[in-house]
PDB file of N, CA and C in Angstrom:
ATOM      1  N   MET A   1       6.372   8.075  -8.480  1.00  0.00           N
ATOM      2  CA  MET A   1       6.754   6.721  -8.764  1.00  0.00           C
ATOM      3  C   MET A   1       8.256   6.538  -8.559  1.00  0.00           C
ATOM      4  N   SER A   2       9.020   7.548  -8.907  1.00  0.00           N
ATOM      5  CA  SER A   2      10.474   7.452  -8.742  1.00  0.00           C
ATOM      6  C   SER A   2      10.844   7.330  -7.272  1.00  0.00           C
ATOM      7  N   GLY A   3      10.163   8.111  -6.430  1.00  0.00           N
ATOM      8  CA  GLY A   3      10.437   8.057  -4.999  1.00  0.00           C
ATOM      9  C   GLY A   3      10.119   6.687  -4.417  1.00  0.00           C
ATOM     10  N   LEU A   4       8.992   6.117  -4.825  1.00  0.00           N
ATOM     11  CA  LEU A   4       8.642   4.780  -4.354  1.00  0.00           C
ATOM     12  C   LEU A   4       9.660   3.753  -4.834  1.00  0.00           C
ATOM     13  N   HIS A   5      10.081   3.873  -6.095  1.00  0.00           N
ATOM     14  CA  HIS A   5      11.065   2.937  -6.648  1.00  0.00           C
ATOM     15  C   HIS A   5      12.373   2.995  -5.856  1.00  0.00           C
ATOM     16  N   LEU A   6      12.800   4.197  -5.520  1.00  0.00           N
ATOM     17  CA  LEU A   6      14.025   4.343  -4.730  1.00  0.00           C
ATOM     18  C   LEU A   6      13.905   3.671  -3.361  1.00  0.00           C
ATOM     19  N   LEU A   7      12.676   3.597  -2.856  1.00  0.00           N
ATOM     20  CA  LEU A   7      12.436   2.961  -1.564  1.00  0.00           C
ATOM     21  C   LEU A   7      12.190   1.457  -1.692  1.00  0.00           C
ATOM     22  N   GLY A   8      12.245   0.946  -2.931  1.00  0.00           N
ATOM     23  CA  GLY A   8      12.046  -0.483  -3.146  1.00  0.00           C
ATOM     24  C   GLY A   8      10.602  -0.892  -3.312  1.00  0.00           C
ATOM     25  N   VAL A   9       9.729   0.093  -3.564  1.00  0.00           N
ATOM     26  CA  VAL A   9       8.312  -0.191  -3.785  1.00  0.00           C
ATOM     27  C   VAL A   9       8.020   0.060  -5.253  1.00  0.00           C
ATOM     28  N   ASP A  10       7.819  -1.021  -6.002  1.00  0.00           N
ATOM     29  CA  ASP A  10       7.539  -0.877  -7.427  1.00  0.00           C
ATOM     30  C   ASP A  10       6.050  -1.059  -7.676  1.00  0.00           C
ATOM     31  N   VAL A  11       5.462  -0.068  -8.325  1.00  0.00           N
ATOM     32  CA  VAL A  11       4.035  -0.047  -8.602  1.00  0.00           C
ATOM     33  C   VAL A  11       3.849   0.156 -10.098  1.00  0.00           C
ATOM     34  N   ASN A  12       2.963  -0.633 -10.688  1.00  0.00           N
ATOM     35  CA  ASN A  12       2.647  -0.475 -12.103  1.00  0.00           C
ATOM     36  C   ASN A  12       1.889   0.848 -12.269  1.00  0.00           C
ATOM     37  N   PRO A  13       2.433   1.816 -13.018  1.00  0.00           N
ATOM     38  CA  PRO A  13       1.777   3.117 -13.142  1.00  0.00           C
ATOM     39  C   PRO A  13       0.526   3.096 -14.018  1.00  0.00           C
ATOM     40  N   ALA A  14       0.353   2.048 -14.812  1.00  0.00           N
ATOM     41  CA  ALA A  14      -0.805   1.989 -15.706  1.00  0.00           C
ATOM     42  C   ALA A  14      -1.356   0.565 -15.773  1.00  0.00           C
ATOM     43  N   PRO A  15      -1.916   0.073 -14.657  1.00  0.00           N
ATOM     44  CA  PRO A  15      -2.448  -1.293 -14.687  1.00  0.00           C
ATOM     45  C   PRO A  15      -3.702  -1.363 -15.550  1.00  0.00           C
ATOM     46  N   THR A  16      -3.950  -2.541 -16.116  1.00  0.00           N
ATOM     47  CA  THR A  16      -5.203  -2.738 -16.840  1.00  0.00           C
ATOM     48  C   THR A  16      -6.330  -2.766 -15.808  1.00  0.00           C
ATOM     49  N   MET A  17      -7.547  -2.652 -16.276  1.00  0.00           N
ATOM     50  CA  MET A  17      -8.695  -2.705 -15.367  1.00  0.00           C
ATOM     51  C   MET A  17      -8.721  -4.050 -14.640  1.00  0.00           C
ATOM     52  N   ARG A  18      -8.396  -5.111 -15.353  1.00  0.00           N
ATOM     53  CA  ARG A  18      -8.376  -6.444 -14.742  1.00  0.00           C
ATOM     54  C   ARG A  18      -7.312  -6.523 -13.637  1.00  0.00           C
ATOM     55  N   GLU A  19      -6.107  -5.990 -13.909  1.00  0.00           N
ATOM     56  CA  GLU A  19      -5.042  -5.989 -12.904  1.00  0.00           C
ATOM     57  C   GLU A  19      -5.444  -5.166 -11.682  1.00  0.00           C
ATOM     58  N   ALA A  20      -6.041  -4.000 -11.924  1.00  0.00           N
ATOM     59  CA  ALA A  20      -6.475  -3.140 -10.819  1.00  0.00           C
ATOM     60  C   ALA A  20      -7.550  -3.833  -9.984  1.00  0.00           C
ATOM     61  N   ASP A  21      -8.501  -4.481 -10.649  1.00  0.00           N
ATOM     62  CA  ASP A  21      -9.552  -5.206  -9.930  1.00  0.00           C
ATOM     63  C   ASP A  21      -8.970  -6.345  -9.098  1.00  0.00           C
ATOM     64  N   THR A  22      -8.001  -7.067  -9.672  1.00  0.00           N
ATOM     65  CA  THR A  22      -7.363  -8.177  -8.962  1.00  0.00           C
ATOM     66  C   THR A  22      -6.612  -7.673  -7.738  1.00  0.00           C
ATOM     67  N   MET A  23      -5.848  -6.586  -7.906  1.00  0.00           N
ATOM     68  CA  MET A  23      -5.106  -6.025  -6.774  1.00  0.00           C
ATOM     69  C   MET A  23      -6.059  -5.540  -5.690  1.00  0.00           C
ATOM     70  N   PHE A  24      -7.153  -4.891  -6.095  1.00  0.00           N
ATOM     71  CA  PHE A  24      -8.142  -4.403  -5.133  1.00  0.00           C
ATOM     72  C   PHE A  24      -8.711  -5.559  -4.325  1.00  0.00           C
ATOM     73  N   GLU A  25      -9.100  -6.629  -5.007  1.00  0.00           N
ATOM     74  CA  GLU A  25      -9.675  -7.788  -4.325  1.00  0.00           C
ATOM     75  C   GLU A  25      -8.673  -8.423  -3.365  1.00  0.00           C
ATOM     76  N   GLN A  26      -7.407  -8.500  -3.775  1.00  0.00           N
ATOM     77  CA  GLN A  26      -6.379  -9.076  -2.903  1.00  0.00           C
ATOM     78  C   GLN A  26      -6.219  -8.251  -1.632  1.00  0.00           C
ATOM     79  N   VAL A  27      -6.122  -6.946  -1.796  1.00  0.00           N
ATOM     80  CA  VAL A  27      -5.953  -6.066  -0.632  1.00  0.00           C
ATOM     81  C   VAL A  27      -7.193  -6.115   0.253  1.00  0.00           C
ATOM     82  N   LYS A  28      -8.370  -6.067  -0.356  1.00  0.00           N
ATOM     83  CA  LYS A  28      -9.618  -6.122   0.409  1.00  0.00           C
ATOM     84  C   LYS A  28      -9.694  -7.412   1.222  1.00  0.00           C
ATOM     85  N   ASN A  29      -9.371  -8.537   0.598  1.00  0.00           N
ATOM     86  CA  ASN A  29      -9.431  -9.822   1.300  1.00  0.00           C
ATOM     87  C   ASN A  29      -8.417  -9.900   2.435  1.00  0.00           C
ATOM     88  N   GLU A  30      -7.240  -9.328   2.230  1.00  0.00           N
ATOM     89  CA  GLU A  30      -6.230  -9.323   3.291  1.00  0.00           C
ATOM     90  C   GLU A  30      -6.678  -8.453   4.464  1.00  0.00           C
ATOM     91  N   ILE A  31      -7.282  -7.310   4.162  1.00  0.00           N
ATOM     92  CA  ILE A  31      -7.793  -6.430   5.221  1.00  0.00           C
ATOM     93  C   ILE A  31      -8.896  -7.133   6.000  1.00  0.00           C
ATOM     94  N   LEU A  32      -9.819  -7.768   5.292  1.00  0.00           N
ATOM     95  CA  LEU A  32     -10.915  -8.465   5.965  1.00  0.00           C
ATOM     96  C   LEU A  32     -10.405  -9.641   6.796  1.00  0.00           C
ATOM     97  N   ALA A  33      -9.366 -10.323   6.314  1.00  0.00           N
ATOM     98  CA  ALA A  33      -8.809 -11.468   7.044  1.00  0.00           C
ATOM     99  C   ALA A  33      -8.163 -11.025   8.355  1.00  0.00           C
ATOM    100  N   VAL A  34      -7.511  -9.874   8.335  1.00  0.00           N
ATOM    101  CA  VAL A  34      -6.848  -9.369   9.541  1.00  0.00           C
ATOM    102  C   VAL A  34      -7.864  -8.712  10.468  1.00  0.00           C
ATOM    103  N   GLY A  35      -8.770  -7.942   9.900  1.00  0.00           N
ATOM    104  CA  GLY A  35      -9.776  -7.229  10.684  1.00  0.00           C
ATOM    105  C   GLY A  35      -9.387  -5.775  10.893  1.00  0.00           C
ATOM    106  N   PHE A  36     -10.379  -4.902  10.818  1.00  0.00           N
ATOM    107  CA  PHE A  36     -10.132  -3.464  10.923  1.00  0.00           C
ATOM    108  C   PHE A  36      -9.533  -3.078  12.273  1.00  0.00           C
ATOM    109  N   ASP A  37     -10.070  -3.653  13.345  1.00  0.00           N
ATOM    110  CA  ASP A  37      -9.575  -3.297  14.682  1.00  0.00           C
ATOM    111  C   ASP A  37      -8.103  -3.659  14.844  1.00  0.00           C
ATOM    112  N   ASP A  38      -7.719  -4.834  14.340  1.00  0.00           N
ATOM    113  CA  ASP A  38      -6.313  -5.238  14.442  1.00  0.00           C
ATOM    114  C   ASP A  38      -5.417  -4.354  13.585  1.00  0.00           C
ATOM    115  N   ILE A  39      -5.908  -3.935  12.437  1.00  0.00           N
ATOM    116  CA  ILE A  39      -5.116  -3.036  11.584  1.00  0.00           C
ATOM    117  C   ILE A  39      -4.928  -1.691  12.275  1.00  0.00           C
ATOM    118  N   LEU A  40      -5.996  -1.173  12.881  1.00  0.00           N
ATOM    119  CA  LEU A  40      -5.899   0.110  13.577  1.00  0.00           C
ATOM    120  C   LEU A  40      -4.994   0.029  14.803  1.00  0.00           C
ATOM    121  N   ALA A  41      -4.809  -1.178  15.347  1.00  0.00           N
ATOM    122  CA  ALA A  41      -3.968  -1.353  16.529  1.00  0.00           C
ATOM    123  C   ALA A  41      -2.483  -1.470  16.183  1.00  0.00           C
ATOM    124  N   ILE A  42      -2.157  -1.566  14.898  1.00  0.00           N
ATOM    125  CA  ILE A  42      -0.754  -1.669  14.491  1.00  0.00           C
ATOM    126  C   ILE A  42      -0.068  -0.345  14.823  1.00  0.00           C
ATOM    127  N   PRO A  43       1.066  -0.397  15.509  1.00  0.00           N
ATOM    128  CA  PRO A  43       1.753   0.857  15.851  1.00  0.00           C
ATOM    129  C   PRO A  43       2.273   1.584  14.610  1.00  0.00           C
ATOM    130  N   ARG A  44       2.370   2.879  14.738  1.00  0.00           N
ATOM    131  CA  ARG A  44       2.885   3.704  13.642  1.00  0.00           C
ATOM    132  C   ARG A  44       4.325   3.299  13.324  1.00  0.00           C
ATOM    133  N   ALA A  45       4.660   3.349  12.048  1.00  0.00           N
ATOM    134  CA  ALA A  45       6.018   3.010  11.612  1.00  0.00           C
ATOM    135  C   ALA A  45       7.026   3.962  12.247  1.00  0.00           C
ATOM    136  N   ARG A  46       8.149   3.415  12.672  1.00  0.00           N
ATOM    137  CA  ARG A  46       9.210   4.234  13.261  1.00  0.00           C
ATOM    138  C   ARG A  46      10.390   4.376  12.308  1.00  0.00           C
ATOM    139  N   ASP A  47      10.339   3.641  11.213  1.00  0.00           N
ATOM    140  CA  ASP A  47      11.396   3.682  10.214  1.00  0.00           C
ATOM    141  C   ASP A  47      11.081   4.789   9.208  1.00  0.00           C
ATOM    142  N   ALA A  48      12.014   5.685   8.978  1.00  0.00           N
ATOM    143  CA  ALA A  48      11.784   6.833   8.090  1.00  0.00           C
ATOM    144  C   ALA A  48      11.454   6.389   6.666  1.00  0.00           C
ATOM    145  N   ARG A  49      12.096   5.332   6.176  1.00  0.00           N
ATOM    146  CA  ARG A  49      11.823   4.854   4.811  1.00  0.00           C
ATOM    147  C   ARG A  49      10.392   4.334   4.690  1.00  0.00           C
ATOM    148  N   THR A  50       9.946   3.584   5.690  1.00  0.00           N
ATOM    149  CA  THR A  50       8.578   3.065   5.681  1.00  0.00           C
ATOM    150  C   THR A  50       7.586   4.209   5.773  1.00  0.00           C
ATOM    151  N   ASP A  51       7.849   5.152   6.646  1.00  0.00           N
ATOM    152  CA  ASP A  51       6.981   6.316   6.810  1.00  0.00           C
ATOM    153  C   ASP A  51       6.875   7.100   5.501  1.00  0.00           C
ATOM    154  N   LEU A  52       7.999   7.289   4.819  1.00  0.00           N
ATOM    155  CA  LEU A  52       8.003   8.011   3.550  1.00  0.00           C
ATOM    156  C   LEU A  52       7.236   7.244   2.480  1.00  0.00           C
ATOM    157  N   ALA A  53       7.421   5.926   2.397  1.00  0.00           N
ATOM    158  CA  ALA A  53       6.698   5.116   1.412  1.00  0.00           C
ATOM    159  C   ALA A  53       5.197   5.220   1.636  1.00  0.00           C
ATOM    160  N   ILE A  54       4.767   5.158   2.884  1.00  0.00           N
ATOM    161  CA  ILE A  54       3.343   5.279   3.203  1.00  0.00           C
ATOM    162  C   ILE A  54       2.822   6.654   2.802  1.00  0.00           C
ATOM    163  N   ALA A  55       3.575   7.692   3.089  1.00  0.00           N
ATOM    164  CA  ALA A  55       3.162   9.055   2.724  1.00  0.00           C
ATOM    165  C   ALA A  55       3.041   9.201   1.209  1.00  0.00           C
ATOM    166  N   LEU A  56       4.005   8.664   0.472  1.00  0.00           N
ATOM    167  CA  LEU A  56       3.951   8.754  -0.993  1.00  0.00           C
ATOM    168  C   LEU A  56       2.756   7.989  -1.550  1.00  0.00           C
ATOM    169  N   LEU A  57       2.492   6.807  -1.017  1.00  0.00           N
ATOM    170  CA  LEU A  57       1.336   6.030  -1.472  1.00  0.00           C
ATOM    171  C   LEU A  57       0.033   6.742  -1.135  1.00  0.00           C
ATOM    172  N   ASN A  58      -0.047   7.365   0.039  1.00  0.00           N
ATOM    173  CA  ASN A  58      -1.247   8.128   0.400  1.00  0.00           C
ATOM    174  C   ASN A  58      -1.454   9.304  -0.539  1.00  0.00           C
ATOM    175  N   ASP A  59      -0.383  10.003  -0.873  1.00  0.00           N
ATOM    176  CA  ASP A  59      -0.485  11.150  -1.777  1.00  0.00           C
ATOM    177  C   ASP A  59      -0.879  10.723  -3.182  1.00  0.00           C
ATOM    178  N   ALA A  60      -0.449   9.533  -3.598  1.00  0.00           N
ATOM    179  CA  ALA A  60      -0.751   9.047  -4.948  1.00  0.00           C
ATOM    180  C   ALA A  60      -2.214   8.662  -5.089  1.00  0.00           C
ATOM    181  N   GLY A  61      -2.857   8.300  -3.980  1.00  0.00           N
ATOM    182  CA  GLY A  61      -4.236   7.815  -4.025  1.00  0.00           C
ATOM    183  C   GLY A  61      -5.193   8.927  -4.132  1.00  0.00           C
TER     184      GLY A  61
END
């Protein structure tokens, strides 16, 4: 969490079930709106900070 915070990504470390459900639905709806193929076509991040934030979020999941 500290690493993400340093990168400007603030995440609630202990969301309520309602907050987690709301966040899940928001992300799911955004993914569906864009479409899986378009998401997969997004080029890999070239910025080291973005790459690190993604890696930290992947490790946290």
